[in-house]
PDB file of N, CA and C in Angstrom:
ATOM      1  N   MET A   1      11.626  44.201  45.447  1.00  0.00           N
ATOM      2  CA  MET A   1      11.601  43.527  44.589  1.00  0.00           C
ATOM      3  C   MET A   1       9.990  43.497  43.699  1.00  0.00           C
ATOM      4  N   THR A   2      10.119  43.544  42.786  1.00  0.00           N
ATOM      5  CA  THR A   2       9.176  43.620  42.128  1.00  0.00           C
ATOM      6  C   THR A   2       8.462  42.245  41.214  1.00  0.00           C
ATOM      7  N   PHE A   3       7.350  42.048  41.052  1.00  0.00           N
ATOM      8  CA  PHE A   3       7.005  40.706  40.202  1.00  0.00           C
ATOM      9  C   PHE A   3       6.985  40.948  38.706  1.00  0.00           C
ATOM     10  N   GLN A   4       7.969  39.986  38.305  1.00  0.00           N
ATOM     11  CA  GLN A   4       8.341  39.918  36.524  1.00  0.00           C
ATOM     12  C   GLN A   4       8.084  38.788  36.392  1.00  0.00           C
ATOM     13  N   PRO A   5       6.496  38.328  35.733  1.00  0.00           N
ATOM     14  CA  PRO A   5       6.723  36.986  35.139  1.00  0.00           C
ATOM     15  C   PRO A   5       7.568  36.482  34.003  1.00  0.00           C
ATOM     16  N   GLN A   6       7.659  35.383  33.872  1.00  0.00           N
ATOM     17  CA  GLN A   6       8.609  34.869  33.126  1.00  0.00           C
ATOM     18  C   GLN A   6       7.675  34.467  31.541  1.00  0.00           C
ATOM     19  N   ILE A   7       7.955  34.823  30.422  1.00  0.00           N
ATOM     20  CA  ILE A   7       7.490  34.744  29.220  1.00  0.00           C
ATOM     21  C   ILE A   7       8.502  34.060  28.826  1.00  0.00           C
ATOM     22  N   THR A   8       7.722  33.034  27.775  1.00  0.00           N
ATOM     23  CA  THR A   8       8.633  32.193  27.111  1.00  0.00           C
ATOM     24  C   THR A   8       8.847  32.795  25.820  1.00  0.00           C
ATOM     25  N   GLN A   9      10.015  32.033  25.288  1.00  0.00           N
ATOM     26  CA  GLN A   9      10.437  32.722  23.956  1.00  0.00           C
ATOM     27  C   GLN A   9       9.190  32.387  23.155  1.00  0.00           C
ATOM     28  N   ARG A  10       8.154  31.361  22.886  1.00  0.00           N
ATOM     29  CA  ARG A  10       7.596  31.009  21.853  1.00  0.00           C
ATOM     30  C   ARG A  10       6.372  32.350  21.802  1.00  0.00           C
ATOM     31  N   ALA A  11       5.814  32.157  23.452  1.00  0.00           N
ATOM     32  CA  ALA A  11       5.206  34.027  23.989  1.00  0.00           C
ATOM     33  C   ALA A  11       5.560  34.873  23.476  1.00  0.00           C
ATOM     34  N   HIS A  12       6.922  35.201  23.372  1.00  0.00           N
ATOM     35  CA  HIS A  12       7.257  36.366  22.731  1.00  0.00           C
ATOM     36  C   HIS A  12       7.169  36.908  21.596  1.00  0.00           C
ATOM     37  N   GLN A  13       7.756  35.825  20.755  1.00  0.00           N
ATOM     38  CA  GLN A  13       7.556  36.029  19.489  1.00  0.00           C
ATOM     39  C   GLN A  13       5.959  36.155  18.895  1.00  0.00           C
ATOM     40  N   ARG A  14       5.095  36.107  19.432  1.00  0.00           N
ATOM     41  CA  ARG A  14       3.424  35.943  19.241  1.00  0.00           C
ATOM     42  C   ARG A  14       3.364  37.235  19.176  1.00  0.00           C
ATOM     43  N   PRO A  15       2.890  38.214  18.200  1.00  0.00           N
ATOM     44  CA  PRO A  15       1.967  39.576  18.273  1.00  0.00           C
ATOM     45  C   PRO A  15       1.315  39.809  18.933  1.00  0.00           C
ATOM     46  N   PRO A  16       1.242  41.038  19.771  1.00  0.00           N
ATOM     47  CA  PRO A  16       0.165  41.199  20.735  1.00  0.00           C
ATOM     48  C   PRO A  16      -1.428  41.298  20.056  1.00  0.00           C
ATOM     49  N   ARG A  17      -2.046  40.921  21.175  1.00  0.00           N
ATOM     50  CA  ARG A  17      -3.450  41.263  21.061  1.00  0.00           C
ATOM     51  C   ARG A  17      -4.219  42.266  21.055  1.00  0.00           C
ATOM     52  N   SER A  18      -5.178  42.945  20.554  1.00  0.00           N
ATOM     53  CA  SER A  18      -5.727  43.860  21.226  1.00  0.00           C
ATOM     54  C   SER A  18      -6.718  43.382  22.014  1.00  0.00           C
ATOM     55  N   ILE A  19      -7.473  44.986  22.373  1.00  0.00           N
ATOM     56  CA  ILE A  19      -8.615  44.699  23.354  1.00  0.00           C
ATOM     57  C   ILE A  19      -9.859  44.064  22.818  1.00  0.00           C
ATOM     58  N   GLU A  20     -10.228  44.486  21.606  1.00  0.00           N
ATOM     59  CA  GLU A  20     -11.299  43.712  20.925  1.00  0.00           C
ATOM     60  C   GLU A  20     -11.227  42.120  20.359  1.00  0.00           C
ATOM     61  N   GLU A  21      -9.522  41.710  20.470  1.00  0.00           N
ATOM     62  CA  GLU A  21      -9.411  40.978  20.019  1.00  0.00           C
ATOM     63  C   GLU A  21      -8.971  39.784  21.376  1.00  0.00           C
ATOM     64  N   LEU A  22      -8.880  40.077  22.857  1.00  0.00           N
ATOM     65  CA  LEU A  22      -9.076  39.644  23.855  1.00  0.00           C
ATOM     66  C   LEU A  22     -10.253  39.608  24.193  1.00  0.00           C
ATOM     67  N   SER A  23     -11.171  40.480  24.110  1.00  0.00           N
ATOM     68  CA  SER A  23     -12.502  40.740  24.422  1.00  0.00           C
ATOM     69  C   SER A  23     -13.494  39.337  23.561  1.00  0.00           C
ATOM     70  N   GLU A  24     -13.375  39.053  22.417  1.00  0.00           N
ATOM     71  CA  GLU A  24     -13.844  38.550  21.322  1.00  0.00           C
ATOM     72  C   GLU A  24     -13.494  37.137  21.624  1.00  0.00           C
ATOM     73  N   GLY A  25     -12.471  36.791  21.828  1.00  0.00           N
ATOM     74  CA  GLY A  25     -12.008  35.885  22.283  1.00  0.00           C
ATOM     75  C   GLY A  25     -12.649  34.830  23.295  1.00  0.00           C
ATOM     76  N   ASP A  26     -12.383  35.962  24.298  1.00  0.00           N
ATOM     77  CA  ASP A  26     -13.505  35.541  25.290  1.00  0.00           C
ATOM     78  C   ASP A  26     -14.624  35.240  25.778  1.00  0.00           C
ATOM     79  N   ARG A  27     -15.435  35.853  24.737  1.00  0.00           N
ATOM     80  CA  ARG A  27     -16.690  35.749  24.626  1.00  0.00           C
ATOM     81  C   ARG A  27     -17.131  34.462  24.069  1.00  0.00           C
ATOM     82  N   LEU A  28     -16.094  34.247  22.674  1.00  0.00           N
ATOM     83  CA  LEU A  28     -15.867  33.037  22.033  1.00  0.00           C
ATOM     84  C   LEU A  28     -15.910  31.544  22.774  1.00  0.00           C
ATOM     85  N   ARG A  29     -14.862  31.542  23.570  1.00  0.00           N
ATOM     86  CA  ARG A  29     -14.525  31.048  24.193  1.00  0.00           C
ATOM     87  C   ARG A  29     -15.487  30.714  25.228  1.00  0.00           C
ATOM     88  N   ARG A  30     -16.269  31.301  26.180  1.00  0.00           N
ATOM     89  CA  ARG A  30     -17.433  31.490  26.886  1.00  0.00           C
ATOM     90  C   ARG A  30     -18.552  30.675  26.172  1.00  0.00           C
ATOM     91  N   HIS A  31     -18.921  31.262  25.366  1.00  0.00           N
ATOM     92  CA  HIS A  31     -20.139  30.434  24.346  1.00  0.00           C
ATOM     93  C   HIS A  31     -20.193  29.521  24.164  1.00  0.00           C
ATOM     94  N   CYS A  32     -18.944  28.551  23.848  1.00  0.00           N
ATOM     95  CA  CYS A  32     -18.581  27.166  23.346  1.00  0.00           C
ATOM     96  C   CYS A  32     -18.736  26.882  24.613  1.00  0.00           C
ATOM     97  N   TYR A  33     -18.213  26.814  25.885  1.00  0.00           N
ATOM     98  CA  TYR A  33     -18.243  26.209  27.210  1.00  0.00           C
ATOM     99  C   TYR A  33     -19.607  26.058  27.879  1.00  0.00           C
ATOM    100  N   LEU A  34     -20.500  27.176  27.510  1.00  0.00           N
ATOM    101  CA  LEU A  34     -21.969  27.241  27.699  1.00  0.00           C
ATOM    102  C   LEU A  34     -22.868  26.225  26.946  1.00  0.00           C
ATOM    103  N   GLN A  35     -21.705  26.299  25.516  1.00  0.00           N
ATOM    104  CA  GLN A  35     -22.720  24.909  24.904  1.00  0.00           C
ATOM    105  C   GLN A  35     -22.250  23.850  24.997  1.00  0.00           C
ATOM    106  N   GLN A  36     -21.270  23.484  25.444  1.00  0.00           N
ATOM    107  CA  GLN A  36     -21.069  22.736  26.132  1.00  0.00           C
ATOM    108  C   GLN A  36     -21.432  21.830  27.109  1.00  0.00           C
ATOM    109  N   ILE A  37     -21.818  22.408  27.840  1.00  0.00           N
ATOM    110  CA  ILE A  37     -22.603  22.200  29.441  1.00  0.00           C
ATOM    111  C   ILE A  37     -24.429  22.043  28.965  1.00  0.00           C
ATOM    112  N   ARG A  38     -24.781  22.585  27.960  1.00  0.00           N
ATOM    113  CA  ARG A  38     -26.461  22.751  27.769  1.00  0.00           C
ATOM    114  C   ARG A  38     -26.536  20.965  27.005  1.00  0.00           C
ATOM    115  N   LEU A  39     -25.162  20.659  26.245  1.00  0.00           N
ATOM    116  CA  LEU A  39     -25.579  19.449  25.415  1.00  0.00           C
ATOM    117  C   LEU A  39     -25.261  18.529  26.671  1.00  0.00           C
ATOM    118  N   GLU A  40     -24.308  18.399  27.462  1.00  0.00           N
ATOM    119  CA  GLU A  40     -23.819  17.599  28.637  1.00  0.00           C
ATOM    120  C   GLU A  40     -25.186  17.058  29.591  1.00  0.00           C
ATOM    121  N   LYS A  41     -25.479  18.540  30.052  1.00  0.00           N
ATOM    122  CA  LYS A  41     -26.265  18.699  31.267  1.00  0.00           C
ATOM    123  C   LYS A  41     -27.730  17.817  30.993  1.00  0.00           C
ATOM    124  N   PRO A  42     -28.292  17.468  29.846  1.00  0.00           N
ATOM    125  CA  PRO A  42     -29.434  16.087  29.817  1.00  0.00           C
ATOM    126  C   PRO A  42     -29.258  15.227  30.097  1.00  0.00           C
ATOM    127  N   LEU A  43     -27.599  14.837  29.612  1.00  0.00           N
ATOM    128  CA  LEU A  43     -27.234  13.819  29.089  1.00  0.00           C
ATOM    129  C   LEU A  43     -27.152  12.786  30.629  1.00  0.00           C
ATOM    130  N   ALA A  44     -26.340  14.006  31.570  1.00  0.00           N
ATOM    131  CA  ALA A  44     -25.971  13.948  33.090  1.00  0.00           C
ATOM    132  C   ALA A  44     -27.251  13.678  33.906  1.00  0.00           C
ATOM    133  N   ASP A  45     -28.132  14.064  33.370  1.00  0.00           N
ATOM    134  CA  ASP A  45     -29.703  14.380  34.155  1.00  0.00           C
ATOM    135  C   ASP A  45     -30.120  13.073  33.949  1.00  0.00           C
ATOM    136  N   GLU A  46     -30.376  12.278  32.545  1.00  0.00           N
ATOM    137  CA  GLU A  46     -30.938  11.121  32.648  1.00  0.00           C
ATOM    138  C   GLU A  46     -29.863  10.498  32.791  1.00  0.00           C
ATOM    139  N   ALA A  47     -28.676  10.228  33.525  1.00  0.00           N
ATOM    140  CA  ALA A  47     -27.923   9.059  34.056  1.00  0.00           C
ATOM    141  C   ALA A  47     -28.524   9.133  35.370  1.00  0.00           C
ATOM    142  N   GLU A  48     -28.704   9.819  36.006  1.00  0.00           N
ATOM    143  CA  GLU A  48     -29.112   9.772  37.089  1.00  0.00           C
ATOM    144  C   GLU A  48     -30.587   8.985  37.421  1.00  0.00           C
ATOM    145  N   LEU A  49     -31.616   8.544  36.332  1.00  0.00           N
ATOM    146  CA  LEU A  49     -32.764   8.255  36.411  1.00  0.00           C
ATOM    147  C   LEU A  49     -32.733   7.014  36.240  1.00  0.00           C
ATOM    148  N   THR A  50     -33.228   6.146  37.439  1.00  0.00           N
ATOM    149  CA  THR A  50     -32.948   4.519  37.579  1.00  0.00           C
ATOM    150  C   THR A  50     -34.276   4.280  37.664  1.00  0.00           C
ATOM    151  N   PHE A  51     -35.424   4.690  37.347  1.00  0.00           N
ATOM    152  CA  PHE A  51     -36.257   4.037  37.713  1.00  0.00           C
ATOM    153  C   PHE A  51     -36.665   3.446  36.583  1.00  0.00           C
ATOM    154  N   LYS A  52     -37.217   1.826  36.397  1.00  0.00           N
ATOM    155  CA  LYS A  52     -37.921   1.173  35.399  1.00  0.00           C
ATOM    156  C   LYS A  52     -38.791   0.404  35.213  1.00  0.00           C
ATOM    157  N   PRO A  53     -39.827   1.191  34.734  1.00  0.00           N
ATOM    158  CA  PRO A  53     -41.119   0.457  35.380  1.00  0.00           C
ATOM    159  C   PRO A  53     -41.506  -1.483  35.269  1.00  0.00           C
ATOM    160  N   LYS A  54     -41.851  -1.715  35.838  1.00  0.00           N
ATOM    161  CA  LYS A  54     -41.811  -3.335  35.662  1.00  0.00           C
ATOM    162  C   LYS A  54     -43.270  -3.190  35.110  1.00  0.00           C
ATOM    163  N   ILE A  55     -43.825  -4.034  33.907  1.00  0.00           N
ATOM    164  CA  ILE A  55     -45.214  -3.999  33.459  1.00  0.00           C
ATOM    165  C   ILE A  55     -45.325  -5.528  33.792  1.00  0.00           C
ATOM    166  N   ASN A  56     -46.560  -5.895  34.501  1.00  0.00           N
ATOM    167  CA  ASN A  56     -47.248  -6.936  34.581  1.00  0.00           C
ATOM    168  C   ASN A  56     -48.490  -6.763  33.472  1.00  0.00           C
ATOM    169  N   PRO A  57     -48.730  -7.839  32.240  1.00  0.00           N
ATOM    170  CA  PRO A  57     -49.400  -7.979  31.580  1.00  0.00           C
ATOM    171  C   PRO A  57     -50.707  -8.688  32.663  1.00  0.00           C
ATOM    172  N   ASP A  58     -52.010  -8.509  32.630  1.00  0.00           N
ATOM    173  CA  ASP A  58     -53.015  -8.559  33.025  1.00  0.00           C
ATOM    174  C   ASP A  58     -53.832  -9.727  32.135  1.00  0.00           C
ATOM    175  N   PRO A  59     -53.621 -10.725  32.200  1.00  0.00           N
ATOM    176  CA  PRO A  59     -54.292 -11.864  31.257  1.00  0.00           C
ATOM    177  C   PRO A  59     -55.991 -11.863  31.480  1.00  0.00           C
ATOM    178  N   ASP A  60     -56.578 -10.913  32.230  1.00  0.00           N
ATOM    179  CA  ASP A  60     -57.756 -10.738  32.311  1.00  0.00           C
ATOM    180  C   ASP A  60     -58.414  -9.353  31.324  1.00  0.00           C
ATOM    181  N   ALA A  61     -57.406  -8.577  31.429  1.00  0.00           N
ATOM    182  CA  ALA A  61     -57.660  -7.274  30.596  1.00  0.00           C
ATOM    183  C   ALA A  61     -58.321  -7.338  29.307  1.00  0.00           C
ATOM    184  N   GLN A  62     -59.249  -6.756  28.801  1.00  0.00           N
ATOM    185  CA  GLN A  62     -59.852  -6.423  28.245  1.00  0.00           C
ATOM    186  C   GLN A  62     -59.553  -5.255  27.457  1.00  0.00           C
ATOM    187  N   PRO A  63     -59.476  -4.717  25.982  1.00  0.00           N
ATOM    188  CA  PRO A  63     -59.387  -3.880  25.470  1.00  0.00           C
ATOM    189  C   PRO A  63     -60.874  -3.375  25.026  1.00  0.00           C
ATOM    190  N   ARG A  64     -60.823  -1.995  25.312  1.00  0.00           N
ATOM    191  CA  ARG A  64     -62.342  -1.170  25.119  1.00  0.00           C
ATOM    192  C   ARG A  64     -62.980  -1.562  23.224  1.00  0.00           C
ATOM    193  N   LEU A  65     -61.943  -1.855  22.840  1.00  0.00           N
ATOM    194  CA  LEU A  65     -62.346  -1.650  21.102  1.00  0.00           C
ATOM    195  C   LEU A  65     -61.732  -2.854  20.679  1.00  0.00           C
ATOM    196  N   ASN A  66     -62.718  -3.570  20.451  1.00  0.00           N
ATOM    197  CA  ASN A  66     -62.829  -5.133  19.791  1.00  0.00           C
ATOM    198  C   ASN A  66     -62.557  -4.703  18.544  1.00  0.00           C
ATOM    199  N   LEU A  67     -61.274  -5.316  17.344  1.00  0.00           N
ATOM    200  CA  LEU A  67     -61.211  -5.091  16.623  1.00  0.00           C
ATOM    201  C   LEU A  67     -61.780  -5.521  15.323  1.00  0.00           C
ATOM    202  N   LYS A  68     -62.404  -6.521  16.195  1.00  0.00           N
ATOM    203  CA  LYS A  68     -63.142  -7.880  14.908  1.00  0.00           C
ATOM    204  C   LYS A  68     -64.758  -7.173  14.775  1.00  0.00           C
ATOM    205  N   HIS A  69     -65.121  -6.428  16.283  1.00  0.00           N
ATOM    206  CA  HIS A  69     -66.465  -5.744  16.157  1.00  0.00           C
ATOM    207  C   HIS A  69     -66.488  -4.074  16.267  1.00  0.00           C
ATOM    208  N   PRO A  70     -65.624  -3.284  15.534  1.00  0.00           N
ATOM    209  CA  PRO A  70     -65.580  -1.770  16.165  1.00  0.00           C
ATOM    210  C   PRO A  70     -66.897  -1.095  16.056  1.00  0.00           C
ATOM    211  N   ASP A  71     -68.486  -1.454  15.462  1.00  0.00           N
ATOM    212  CA  ASP A  71     -69.340  -1.030  15.911  1.00  0.00           C
ATOM    213  C   ASP A  71     -70.089  -1.122  17.030  1.00  0.00           C
ATOM    214  N   LEU A  72     -69.602  -1.974  17.797  1.00  0.00           N
ATOM    215  CA  LEU A  72     -69.849  -2.391  19.479  1.00  0.00           C
ATOM    216  C   LEU A  72     -69.495  -0.736  19.670  1.00  0.00           C
ATOM    217  N   TYR A  73     -68.069  -0.677  19.953  1.00  0.00           N
ATOM    218  CA  TYR A  73     -67.505   0.334  20.550  1.00  0.00           C
ATOM    219  C   TYR A  73     -68.169   1.125  20.268  1.00  0.00           C
ATOM    220  N   LEU A  74     -68.264   1.623  19.064  1.00  0.00           N
ATOM    221  CA  LEU A  74     -68.979   3.059  18.786  1.00  0.00           C
ATOM    222  C   LEU A  74     -70.235   3.364  19.350  1.00  0.00           C
ATOM    223  N   ALA A  75     -70.780   1.911  19.652  1.00  0.00           N
ATOM    224  CA  ALA A  75     -72.418   2.101  20.015  1.00  0.00           C
ATOM    225  C   ALA A  75     -72.811   2.579  21.197  1.00  0.00           C
ATOM    226  N   GLN A  76     -71.275   1.877  21.639  1.00  0.00           N
ATOM    227  CA  GLN A  76     -71.168   2.057  23.796  1.00  0.00           C
ATOM    228  C   GLN A  76     -70.930   3.760  23.389  1.00  0.00           C
ATOM    229  N   VAL A  77     -70.298   4.371  22.331  1.00  0.00           N
ATOM    230  CA  VAL A  77     -69.576   5.412  23.236  1.00  0.00           C
ATOM    231  C   VAL A  77     -70.876   6.577  22.761  1.00  0.00           C
ATOM    232  N   ARG A  78     -71.895   6.155  21.682  1.00  0.00           N
ATOM    233  CA  ARG A  78     -73.244   6.794  21.518  1.00  0.00           C
ATOM    234  C   ARG A  78     -74.247   6.557  22.656  1.00  0.00           C
ATOM    235  N   ALA A  79     -74.271   5.562  23.111  1.00  0.00           N
ATOM    236  CA  ALA A  79     -75.005   5.774  24.410  1.00  0.00           C
ATOM    237  C   ALA A  79     -74.416   6.824  25.612  1.00  0.00           C
ATOM    238  N   LYS A  80     -73.123   6.454  25.866  1.00  0.00           N
ATOM    239  CA  LYS A  80     -72.816   7.260  27.040  1.00  0.00           C
ATOM    240  C   LYS A  80     -72.905   8.462  26.398  1.00  0.00           C
TER     241      LYS A  80
END
């Protein structure tokens, strides 16, 4: 006994597709699949990132550029 596939009535009524149509359909389907993976991959990678830095402000830290006296900073730069 040989294998005989069961074809639905709806599939039987559809027109057959050519080799070009099958090939182009496969190419488009693969392109869409790869595009979807390219869009989802960075999101999945970012979901794995759990590090959140804890920033403790240093009350003794002084900025290099004092906005009240910018000329002093420029003088330091020239001196170096």
